[in-house]
Amino acid sequence: MKFLIIGLSVAFLCIAYAWPVIPLFIYPMSRRRGFWAALYCCAVGVFFGIGLGYSHFDTGAFFEAAIFTSVVRAIAEAAGILEKLRNAWRKRHARPVG
């Protein structure tokens, strides 16, 4: 039981430390899915950022940082700023027909 608790604690800490960059990289080629993923990451950041603000490992700060990166991604997706980059990426990596 002790190893299970330690394993879950380590997994949660790893997720907390990686969570601020997840909204920037998830679904990079889909505007709609990227927008919803950013909103989901923001909601999780708000939930855990408030609840874990005074934890021993200070993981609340990482979830609060995720709120800012999620809002940036959601605004970029809603405004269509990233669509120009996606089109350039698709044209550059398109396979020739024939």
C-alpha atoms as a PDB file:
ATOM      1  CA  MET A   1       0.000   0.000   0.000  1.00  0.00           C
ATOM      2  CA  LYS A   2       2.886   2.328   0.754  1.00  0.00           C
ATOM      3  CA  PHE A   3       4.316   1.878  -2.762  1.00  0.00           C
ATOM      4  CA  LEU A   4       0.922   2.624  -4.306  1.00  0.00           C
ATOM      5  CA  ILE A   5       0.635   5.883  -2.396  1.00  0.00           C
ATOM      6  CA  ILE A   6       4.191   6.883  -3.280  1.00  0.00           C
ATOM      7  CA  GLY A   7       3.637   5.971  -6.920  1.00  0.00           C
ATOM      8  CA  LEU A   8       0.430   7.999  -7.129  1.00  0.00           C
ATOM      9  CA  SER A   9       2.120  10.951  -5.417  1.00  0.00           C
ATOM     10  CA  VAL A  10       5.010  10.906  -7.871  1.00  0.00           C
ATOM     11  CA  ALA A  11       2.631  10.590 -10.834  1.00  0.00           C
ATOM     12  CA  PHE A  12       0.556  13.527  -9.591  1.00  0.00           C
ATOM     13  CA  LEU A  13       3.645  15.689  -9.080  1.00  0.00           C
ATOM     14  CA  CYS A  14       4.868  14.883 -12.603  1.00  0.00           C
ATOM     15  CA  ILE A  15       1.490  15.818 -14.033  1.00  0.00           C
ATOM     16  CA  ALA A  16       1.421  19.040 -12.012  1.00  0.00           C
ATOM     17  CA  TYR A  17       4.848  20.088 -13.236  1.00  0.00           C
ATOM     18  CA  ALA A  18       4.026  19.276 -16.886  1.00  0.00           C
ATOM     19  CA  TRP A  19       0.487  20.681 -16.918  1.00  0.00           C
ATOM     20  CA  PRO A  20       1.372  24.302 -17.904  1.00  0.00           C
ATOM     21  CA  VAL A  21       2.859  23.205 -21.252  1.00  0.00           C
ATOM     22  CA  ILE A  22       0.214  20.622 -22.154  1.00  0.00           C
ATOM     23  CA  PRO A  23      -2.280  23.199 -23.565  1.00  0.00           C
ATOM     24  CA  LEU A  24       0.399  24.479 -25.924  1.00  0.00           C
ATOM     25  CA  PHE A  25       1.156  21.094 -27.494  1.00  0.00           C
ATOM     26  CA  ILE A  26      -2.064  19.070 -27.442  1.00  0.00           C
ATOM     27  CA  TYR A  27      -3.898  18.775 -30.786  1.00  0.00           C
ATOM     28  CA  PRO A  28      -1.587  21.108 -32.705  1.00  0.00           C
ATOM     29  CA  MET A  29      -3.270  20.560 -36.089  1.00  0.00           C
ATOM     30  CA  SER A  30      -6.923  20.842 -35.042  1.00  0.00           C
ATOM     31  CA  ARG A  31      -8.417  24.214 -34.273  1.00  0.00           C
ATOM     32  CA  ARG A  32     -11.630  22.968 -32.657  1.00  0.00           C
ATOM     33  CA  ARG A  33     -10.009  20.234 -30.570  1.00  0.00           C
ATOM     34  CA  GLY A  34      -7.187  22.561 -29.523  1.00  0.00           C
ATOM     35  CA  PHE A  35      -9.705  25.126 -28.312  1.00  0.00           C
ATOM     36  CA  TRP A  36     -11.653  22.590 -26.236  1.00  0.00           C
ATOM     37  CA  ALA A  37      -8.456  21.054 -24.883  1.00  0.00           C
ATOM     38  CA  ALA A  38      -7.306  24.508 -23.763  1.00  0.00           C
ATOM     39  CA  LEU A  39     -10.610  25.095 -21.980  1.00  0.00           C
ATOM     40  CA  TYR A  40     -10.362  21.694 -20.290  1.00  0.00           C
ATOM     41  CA  CYS A  41      -6.784  22.382 -19.160  1.00  0.00           C
ATOM     42  CA  CYS A  42      -7.883  25.760 -17.846  1.00  0.00           C
ATOM     43  CA  ALA A  43     -10.726  24.207 -15.849  1.00  0.00           C
ATOM     44  CA  VAL A  44      -8.403  21.600 -14.358  1.00  0.00           C
ATOM     45  CA  GLY A  45      -5.891  24.347 -13.576  1.00  0.00           C
ATOM     46  CA  VAL A  46      -8.526  26.390 -11.756  1.00  0.00           C
ATOM     47  CA  PHE A  47      -9.771  23.375  -9.805  1.00  0.00           C
ATOM     48  CA  PHE A  48      -6.374  22.136  -8.673  1.00  0.00           C
ATOM     49  CA  GLY A  49      -4.773  25.589  -8.455  1.00  0.00           C
ATOM     50  CA  ILE A  50      -7.255  26.690  -5.836  1.00  0.00           C
ATOM     51  CA  GLY A  51      -7.289  23.412  -3.938  1.00  0.00           C
ATOM     52  CA  LEU A  52      -3.540  22.875  -3.874  1.00  0.00           C
ATOM     53  CA  GLY A  53      -2.437  26.453  -3.317  1.00  0.00           C
ATOM     54  CA  TYR A  54      -1.039  25.663   0.114  1.00  0.00           C
ATOM     55  CA  SER A  55       0.319  22.166  -0.444  1.00  0.00           C
ATOM     56  CA  HIS A  56       3.756  21.100   0.699  1.00  0.00           C
ATOM     57  CA  PHE A  57       5.129  20.806  -2.856  1.00  0.00           C
ATOM     58  CA  ASP A  58       3.565  24.067  -4.095  1.00  0.00           C
ATOM     59  CA  THR A  59       1.945  22.356  -7.074  1.00  0.00           C
ATOM     60  CA  GLY A  60      -0.809  24.953  -7.094  1.00  0.00           C
ATOM     61  CA  ALA A  61       1.545  27.433  -8.733  1.00  0.00           C
ATOM     62  CA  PHE A  62       2.053  25.091 -11.691  1.00  0.00           C
ATOM     63  CA  PHE A  63      -1.684  24.694 -12.155  1.00  0.00           C
ATOM     64  CA  GLU A  64      -2.089  28.468 -11.952  1.00  0.00           C
ATOM     65  CA  ALA A  65       0.505  28.837 -14.699  1.00  0.00           C
ATOM     66  CA  ALA A  66      -1.557  26.386 -16.751  1.00  0.00           C
ATOM     67  CA  ILE A  67      -4.477  28.795 -16.560  1.00  0.00           C
ATOM     68  CA  PHE A  68      -2.459  31.468 -18.341  1.00  0.00           C
ATOM     69  CA  THR A  69      -1.135  29.141 -21.046  1.00  0.00           C
ATOM     70  CA  SER A  70      -4.632  27.731 -21.572  1.00  0.00           C
ATOM     71  CA  VAL A  71      -6.130  31.174 -21.971  1.00  0.00           C
ATOM     72  CA  VAL A  72      -3.433  32.116 -24.484  1.00  0.00           C
ATOM     73  CA  ARG A  73      -4.122  28.966 -26.522  1.00  0.00           C
ATOM     74  CA  ALA A  74      -7.905  29.449 -26.364  1.00  0.00           C
ATOM     75  CA  ILE A  75      -7.626  33.055 -27.544  1.00  0.00           C
ATOM     76  CA  ALA A  76      -5.245  32.077 -30.351  1.00  0.00           C
ATOM     77  CA  GLU A  77      -7.596  29.302 -31.487  1.00  0.00           C
ATOM     78  CA  ALA A  78     -10.711  31.480 -31.282  1.00  0.00           C
ATOM     79  CA  ALA A  79      -9.051  34.282 -33.241  1.00  0.00           C
ATOM     80  CA  GLY A  80      -7.624  31.910 -35.857  1.00  0.00           C
ATOM     81  CA  ILE A  81      -4.058  33.088 -35.367  1.00  0.00           C
ATOM     82  CA  LEU A  82      -2.604  29.592 -35.581  1.00  0.00           C
ATOM     83  CA  GLU A  83      -4.453  28.673 -38.788  1.00  0.00           C
ATOM     84  CA  LYS A  84      -1.879  30.399 -40.993  1.00  0.00           C
ATOM     85  CA  LEU A  85       0.910  28.362 -39.404  1.00  0.00           C
ATOM     86  CA  ARG A  86      -1.078  25.145 -39.811  1.00  0.00           C
ATOM     87  CA  ASN A  87      -1.671  25.801 -43.502  1.00  0.00           C
ATOM     88  CA  ALA A  88       2.021  26.504 -44.080  1.00  0.00           C
ATOM     89  CA  TRP A  89       2.922  23.276 -42.251  1.00  0.00           C
ATOM     90  CA  ARG A  90       0.445  21.253 -44.310  1.00  0.00           C
ATOM     91  CA  LYS A  91       1.704  22.697 -47.606  1.00  0.00           C
ATOM     92  CA  ARG A  92       5.326  22.046 -46.708  1.00  0.00           C
ATOM     93  CA  HIS A  93       4.716  18.453 -45.661  1.00  0.00           C
ATOM     94  CA  ALA A  94       2.147  17.504 -48.289  1.00  0.00           C
ATOM     95  CA  ARG A  95       2.890  14.393 -50.278  1.00  0.00           C
ATOM     96  CA  PRO A  96       3.099  14.826 -54.030  1.00  0.00           C
ATOM     97  CA  VAL A  97       0.254  13.199 -55.913  1.00  0.00           C
ATOM     98  CA  GLY A  98       1.089  10.711 -58.644  1.00  0.00           C
END
